[in-house]
Amino acid sequence: MDVAVAADLPGIAEFIDEMVAKHQFRRTELVELFTRAEHRPDIIEAITKPATLKPWPEYRAAFVNTKRVKLGVAFWNKYQTTLHRAEQEYGVPAEIIVAIIGVETIYGKNAGTFRTIDALTTLAFDYPRRAPFFRTELENYLLLARDQEFDLLAIKSSYAGALGIPQFMPSSYRNYAVDYNGNHKIDLLHEDIDAIGSVANYMKGYGWLANQPVATLANFNLELCVSDLKTPRSMADWAKVGIVPQLPNINYPAARISDYTLGEEKEFWLVFNNFEVITKYNNSDFYAMSVLQLAEAIKAARANR
């Protein structure tokens, strides 16, 4: 593997200057940190080939499967009191919380193998398309590490720098993580209960609406359909162009259409505000639909035990 010292990347010196002036970091410590951090081209390769480029059936199968359903049921049973509390306090259904953690890390079993400092430094200074975002996340990671007393060279994450059981980016960790087990510390790296409360707080913070639908399958009249499927419309307006929910509900809110190719066929779903909130976790309709379908599968499996 091609590994180089991150300190050689253009922009590091200016970033250190900014962190010293803005947040009173010690220059010598940051210089030492980036001398020991690694520039990882394999991270650039990973982020340019995300799983969402896979066909929907292949993507779905990676997340909605027997293993994750079984582990999801066990996780829910173990933490049913905590999940009920989170559902009551934040309005996010237990199955959605459980499914997000299942999709993200298989309940903490796969929280990432890249050093966070390497991932964020590489992306901040060698990935121009999203460099401002990752530079901000690197800043937040240094601040988080100072607050949490992390060993900056020891913490592991995803290739994108997402941390812990729920895979929070550093800014989300700082803004939405909560001490949900009441032990006076916030630890998303090791504590499932903190992860549960933090996921619920994150979803509510991005606009989750309690007791509202996420998505529903639609019947679709291709002869009447319009080309613009992405603009939210009322159910009455969708009905005018031949799109109606398979499960009628006069109280459905405005929705857009999300489609999924299955062999020679396509599924069309009406997706609502809460679906859009799930995409704030990962900006992908495939991701949000996988969370929803895993949630439904876990809920059904648990009810049938």
Protein backbone atom coordinates (compact mmCIF):
# COMPACT_ATOMS: atom_id res chain seq x y z
CA MET A 1 0.00 0.00 0.00
CA ASP A 2 1.21 3.48 -0.93
CA VAL A 3 1.60 5.39 2.35
CA ALA A 4 3.08 8.87 2.67
CA VAL A 5 3.41 11.39 5.45
CA ALA A 6 0.30 13.57 5.61
CA ALA A 7 2.34 16.60 6.66
CA ASP A 8 3.58 16.87 3.05
CA LEU A 9 0.08 17.59 1.71
CA PRO A 10 -0.52 21.18 0.54
CA GLY A 11 -2.63 23.13 3.01
CA ILE A 12 -1.57 21.41 6.23
CA ALA A 13 0.60 24.30 7.42
CA GLU A 14 -2.23 26.79 6.90
CA PHE A 15 -4.67 24.51 8.68
CA ILE A 16 -2.33 24.29 11.67
CA ASP A 17 -2.08 28.10 11.73
CA GLU A 18 -5.88 28.31 11.76
CA MET A 19 -6.30 25.78 14.55
CA VAL A 20 -3.71 27.55 16.70
CA ALA A 21 -5.30 30.97 16.17
CA LYS A 22 -8.94 29.90 16.30
CA HIS A 23 -8.88 27.21 18.98
CA GLN A 24 -5.59 27.73 20.83
CA PHE A 25 -4.09 24.37 19.94
CA ARG A 26 -0.38 23.98 20.56
CA ARG A 27 1.50 24.28 17.30
CA THR A 28 4.20 21.76 18.24
CA GLU A 29 1.56 19.12 19.05
CA LEU A 30 -0.23 19.60 15.72
CA VAL A 31 3.01 19.52 13.76
CA GLU A 32 3.89 16.25 15.50
CA LEU A 33 0.39 14.87 14.85
CA PHE A 34 0.46 15.51 11.12
CA THR A 35 4.01 14.21 10.87
CA ARG A 36 2.71 10.90 12.22
CA ALA A 37 -0.57 10.94 10.26
CA GLU A 38 -0.59 9.06 6.95
CA HIS A 39 -1.76 10.15 3.52
CA ARG A 40 -3.86 7.21 2.29
CA PRO A 41 -4.64 7.08 -1.46
CA ASP A 42 -6.70 3.94 -0.81
CA ILE A 43 -9.17 6.15 1.08
CA ILE A 44 -9.63 8.31 -2.02
CA GLU A 45 -10.26 5.14 -4.04
CA ALA A 46 -12.82 3.91 -1.50
CA ILE A 47 -14.82 7.12 -1.39
CA THR A 48 -15.01 7.36 -5.16
CA LYS A 49 -16.53 3.87 -5.39
CA PRO A 50 -19.37 3.89 -2.83
CA ALA A 51 -21.73 0.97 -2.35
CA THR A 52 -24.62 3.07 -3.68
CA LEU A 53 -23.20 2.61 -7.18
CA LYS A 54 -24.25 -1.06 -6.98
CA PRO A 55 -27.60 -2.19 -8.44
CA TRP A 56 -30.44 -1.96 -5.93
CA PRO A 57 -30.90 -5.73 -5.36
CA GLU A 58 -27.19 -6.15 -4.62
CA TYR A 59 -27.11 -3.08 -2.36
CA ARG A 60 -30.25 -4.16 -0.50
CA ALA A 61 -28.98 -7.70 0.05
CA ALA A 62 -25.88 -6.37 1.80
CA PHE A 63 -28.02 -4.74 4.49
CA VAL A 64 -31.41 -6.42 4.57
CA ASN A 65 -30.51 -10.02 5.31
CA THR A 66 -30.99 -12.80 7.85
CA LYS A 67 -27.86 -11.94 9.82
CA ARG A 68 -28.79 -8.31 10.42
CA VAL A 69 -32.40 -9.17 11.18
CA LYS A 70 -31.35 -11.76 13.77
CA LEU A 71 -28.82 -9.44 15.39
CA GLY A 72 -31.33 -6.58 15.25
CA VAL A 73 -33.92 -8.60 17.16
CA ALA A 74 -31.30 -9.51 19.79
CA PHE A 75 -30.19 -5.86 20.09
CA TRP A 76 -33.81 -4.69 20.48
CA ASN A 77 -34.53 -7.32 23.12
CA LYS A 78 -31.40 -6.43 25.06
CA TYR A 79 -32.15 -2.70 25.04
CA GLN A 80 -35.95 -2.67 24.82
CA THR A 81 -36.33 -0.34 27.84
CA THR A 82 -33.82 2.15 26.43
CA LEU A 83 -35.35 1.98 22.95
CA HIS A 84 -38.83 2.56 24.36
CA ARG A 85 -37.54 5.58 26.27
CA ALA A 86 -35.87 6.99 23.15
CA GLU A 87 -39.04 6.46 21.14
CA GLN A 88 -41.08 8.32 23.74
CA GLU A 89 -38.60 11.18 24.16
CA TYR A 90 -37.64 11.76 20.52
CA GLY A 91 -40.54 10.32 18.54
CA VAL A 92 -38.32 8.00 16.48
CA PRO A 93 -39.60 4.39 16.32
CA ALA A 94 -37.41 1.77 17.97
CA GLU A 95 -37.15 -0.23 14.76
CA ILE A 96 -35.70 2.75 12.87
CA ILE A 97 -33.05 3.32 15.55
CA VAL A 98 -32.20 -0.40 15.58
CA ALA A 99 -32.03 -0.56 11.78
CA ILE A 100 -29.74 2.45 11.45
CA ILE A 101 -27.24 0.95 13.89
CA GLY A 102 -27.56 -2.37 12.09
CA VAL A 103 -26.91 -0.89 8.66
CA GLU A 104 -24.07 1.28 9.91
CA THR A 105 -21.97 -1.15 11.95
CA ILE A 106 -23.89 -4.42 12.50
CA TYR A 107 -24.41 -3.31 16.11
CA GLY A 108 -20.84 -2.19 16.67
CA LYS A 109 -19.18 -5.20 15.06
CA ASN A 110 -17.86 -3.23 12.07
CA ALA A 111 -17.09 0.31 13.18
CA GLY A 112 -14.18 0.85 10.80
CA THR A 113 -10.53 -0.01 10.40
CA PHE A 114 -9.00 3.28 9.24
CA ARG A 115 -7.30 5.65 11.63
CA THR A 116 -9.62 8.64 11.81
CA ILE A 117 -6.79 11.15 11.60
CA ASP A 118 -5.54 9.51 8.39
CA ALA A 119 -9.01 9.39 6.81
CA LEU A 120 -9.98 12.98 7.56
CA THR A 121 -6.56 14.43 6.74
CA THR A 122 -6.39 12.60 3.42
CA LEU A 123 -9.90 13.71 2.42
CA ALA A 124 -9.46 17.28 3.67
CA PHE A 125 -6.29 17.88 1.66
CA ASP A 126 -6.40 15.44 -1.26
CA TYR A 127 -10.05 15.20 -2.26
CA PRO A 128 -10.92 18.58 -3.81
CA ARG A 129 -14.55 17.77 -4.58
CA ARG A 130 -15.44 17.65 -0.87
CA ALA A 131 -12.36 19.18 0.74
CA PRO A 132 -14.25 21.96 2.59
CA PHE A 133 -16.59 19.43 4.21
CA PHE A 134 -13.77 17.17 5.37
CA ARG A 135 -11.64 20.08 6.50
CA THR A 136 -14.53 21.09 8.77
CA GLU A 137 -14.84 17.51 10.00
CA LEU A 138 -11.10 17.39 10.71
CA GLU A 139 -11.44 20.59 12.74
CA ASN A 140 -14.35 19.06 14.65
CA TYR A 141 -12.41 15.85 15.20
CA LEU A 142 -9.52 17.72 16.82
CA LEU A 143 -11.97 19.60 19.04
CA LEU A 144 -13.84 16.40 19.89
CA ALA A 145 -10.61 14.62 20.73
CA ARG A 146 -9.58 17.45 23.02
CA ASP A 147 -12.95 17.38 24.79
CA GLN A 148 -13.12 13.58 25.02
CA GLU A 149 -9.39 13.07 25.62
CA PHE A 150 -9.11 10.75 22.63
CA ASP A 151 -5.76 9.43 21.50
CA LEU A 152 -5.78 11.02 18.05
CA LEU A 153 -3.52 8.35 16.58
CA ALA A 154 -5.47 5.41 18.00
CA ILE A 155 -9.14 6.05 17.15
CA LYS A 156 -10.45 4.04 14.18
CA SER A 157 -13.33 4.94 11.88
CA SER A 158 -14.78 4.35 8.44
CA TYR A 159 -12.82 5.53 5.41
CA ALA A 160 -14.86 8.75 5.60
CA GLY A 161 -14.05 9.40 9.26
CA ALA A 162 -17.40 8.24 10.71
CA LEU A 163 -17.02 7.19 14.33
CA GLY A 164 -18.31 4.52 16.65
CA ILE A 165 -21.37 2.34 16.94
CA PRO A 166 -23.68 4.75 15.07
CA GLN A 167 -20.97 6.08 12.69
CA PHE A 168 -21.31 9.76 13.53
CA MET A 169 -19.12 12.24 11.73
CA PRO A 170 -17.17 14.36 14.24
CA SER A 171 -19.47 17.38 13.84
CA SER A 172 -22.53 15.18 14.47
CA TYR A 173 -20.79 13.64 17.48
CA ARG A 174 -20.26 17.12 18.93
CA ASN A 175 -23.76 18.36 18.06
CA TYR A 176 -26.05 15.37 18.61
CA ALA A 177 -24.36 12.76 20.82
CA VAL A 178 -25.93 12.43 24.26
CA ASP A 179 -25.08 10.75 27.56
CA TYR A 180 -28.05 8.40 27.50
CA ASN A 181 -26.93 5.97 30.19
CA GLY A 182 -26.33 8.73 32.74
CA ASN A 183 -22.70 7.93 33.54
CA HIS A 184 -21.59 11.54 32.93
CA LYS A 185 -19.70 10.85 29.73
CA ILE A 186 -20.64 10.50 26.09
CA ASP A 187 -19.09 7.45 24.47
CA LEU A 188 -20.29 6.39 21.04
CA LEU A 189 -17.24 4.19 20.56
CA HIS A 190 -18.18 1.66 23.24
CA GLU A 191 -21.61 2.38 24.78
CA ASP A 192 -24.69 1.05 22.97
CA ILE A 193 -27.09 3.03 25.13
CA ASP A 194 -25.41 6.33 24.27
CA ALA A 195 -25.58 5.30 20.61
CA ILE A 196 -29.33 4.65 20.85
CA GLY A 197 -30.11 8.03 22.40
CA SER A 198 -27.75 9.83 20.05
CA VAL A 199 -29.27 8.34 16.89
CA ALA A 200 -32.74 9.33 18.10
CA ASN A 201 -31.55 12.84 18.95
CA TYR A 202 -29.89 13.17 15.53
CA MET A 203 -33.05 12.12 13.70
CA LYS A 204 -35.23 14.48 15.70
CA GLY A 205 -32.71 17.27 15.16
CA TYR A 206 -33.01 16.83 11.40
CA GLY A 207 -36.78 17.03 11.49
CA TRP A 208 -38.18 13.55 12.19
CA LEU A 209 -41.94 13.78 12.70
CA ALA A 210 -43.42 11.40 15.27
CA ASN A 211 -46.22 9.11 14.13
CA GLN A 212 -45.72 9.98 10.47
CA PRO A 213 -45.02 7.52 7.63
CA VAL A 214 -41.64 6.99 5.99
CA ALA A 215 -42.62 5.57 2.60
CA THR A 216 -45.31 3.52 0.91
CA LEU A 217 -45.43 1.53 -2.32
CA ALA A 218 -47.27 3.23 -5.15
CA ASN A 219 -49.38 1.96 -8.02
CA PHE A 220 -48.03 3.63 -11.11
CA ASN A 221 -49.81 4.37 -14.40
CA LEU A 222 -47.01 4.90 -16.91
CA GLU A 223 -49.39 6.29 -19.52
CA LEU A 224 -50.43 9.14 -17.25
CA CYS A 225 -47.18 9.74 -15.41
CA VAL A 226 -45.26 13.01 -15.59
CA SER A 227 -41.49 13.23 -15.98
CA ASP A 228 -40.85 15.12 -12.74
CA LEU A 229 -41.00 12.59 -9.94
CA LYS A 230 -38.74 14.34 -7.46
CA THR A 231 -40.85 17.37 -6.58
CA PRO A 232 -43.08 16.67 -3.55
CA ARG A 233 -46.81 16.79 -4.26
CA SER A 234 -50.01 16.08 -2.39
CA MET A 235 -51.69 12.70 -2.79
CA ALA A 236 -54.46 14.41 -4.73
CA ASP A 237 -51.96 15.86 -7.19
CA TRP A 238 -50.20 12.51 -7.63
CA ALA A 239 -53.54 10.83 -8.26
CA LYS A 240 -54.16 13.23 -11.16
CA VAL A 241 -51.09 11.84 -12.95
CA GLY A 242 -51.83 8.19 -12.23
CA ILE A 243 -49.86 7.58 -9.04
CA VAL A 244 -51.68 6.34 -5.94
CA PRO A 245 -50.50 4.61 -2.76
CA GLN A 246 -51.11 0.87 -2.64
CA LEU A 247 -52.34 1.31 0.93
CA PRO A 248 -54.81 4.19 0.83
CA ASN A 249 -54.57 6.71 3.65
CA ILE A 250 -56.32 10.04 3.37
CA ASN A 251 -53.83 11.58 5.80
CA TYR A 252 -50.66 10.91 3.81
CA PRO A 253 -48.53 14.09 3.67
CA ALA A 254 -46.84 15.44 0.56
CA ALA A 255 -44.38 13.06 -1.06
CA ARG A 256 -41.97 12.60 -3.93
CA ILE A 257 -41.32 9.40 -5.89
CA SER A 258 -38.32 7.12 -5.39
CA ASP A 259 -37.86 4.20 -7.81
CA TYR A 260 -35.93 0.92 -7.56
CA THR A 261 -35.04 -1.43 -10.42
CA LEU A 262 -35.68 -5.11 -9.75
CA GLY A 263 -34.64 -7.14 -12.80
CA GLU A 264 -36.91 -6.10 -15.65
CA GLU A 265 -39.35 -4.38 -13.31
CA LYS A 266 -39.38 -1.22 -11.24
CA GLU A 267 -40.88 -0.41 -7.86
CA PHE A 268 -42.15 3.08 -7.23
CA TRP A 269 -42.46 4.42 -3.70
CA LEU A 270 -44.04 7.56 -2.32
CA VAL A 271 -41.49 8.86 0.18
CA PHE A 272 -42.26 11.38 2.90
CA ASN A 273 -40.47 13.79 5.22
CA ASN A 274 -39.16 11.03 7.49
CA PHE A 275 -37.55 9.27 4.52
CA GLU A 276 -35.73 12.51 3.72
CA VAL A 277 -34.54 12.67 7.34
CA ILE A 278 -32.97 9.22 6.99
CA THR A 279 -31.06 10.49 3.94
CA LYS A 280 -29.45 13.11 6.20
CA TYR A 281 -27.58 10.19 7.73
CA ASN A 282 -26.42 9.07 4.29
CA ASN A 283 -27.49 11.02 1.22
CA SER A 284 -28.85 8.07 -0.72
CA ASP A 285 -32.34 6.78 -1.45
CA PHE A 286 -30.88 3.26 -1.49
CA TYR A 287 -29.58 3.81 2.04
CA ALA A 288 -32.87 5.18 3.37
CA MET A 289 -34.90 2.39 1.78
CA SER A 290 -32.53 -0.23 3.19
CA VAL A 291 -32.96 1.25 6.67
CA LEU A 292 -36.74 1.21 6.28
CA GLN A 293 -36.90 -2.36 4.98
CA LEU A 294 -34.46 -3.66 7.59
CA ALA A 295 -36.54 -1.90 10.27
CA GLU A 296 -39.72 -3.53 9.03
CA ALA A 297 -38.06 -6.95 8.81
CA ILE A 298 -36.68 -6.70 12.36
CA LYS A 299 -40.03 -5.54 13.74
CA ALA A 300 -41.85 -8.40 12.01
CA ALA A 301 -39.30 -11.02 13.13
CA ARG A 302 -39.49 -9.82 16.72
CA ALA A 303 -43.30 -9.88 16.69
CA ASN A 304 -43.28 -13.47 15.41
CA ARG A 305 -40.98 -14.87 18.09
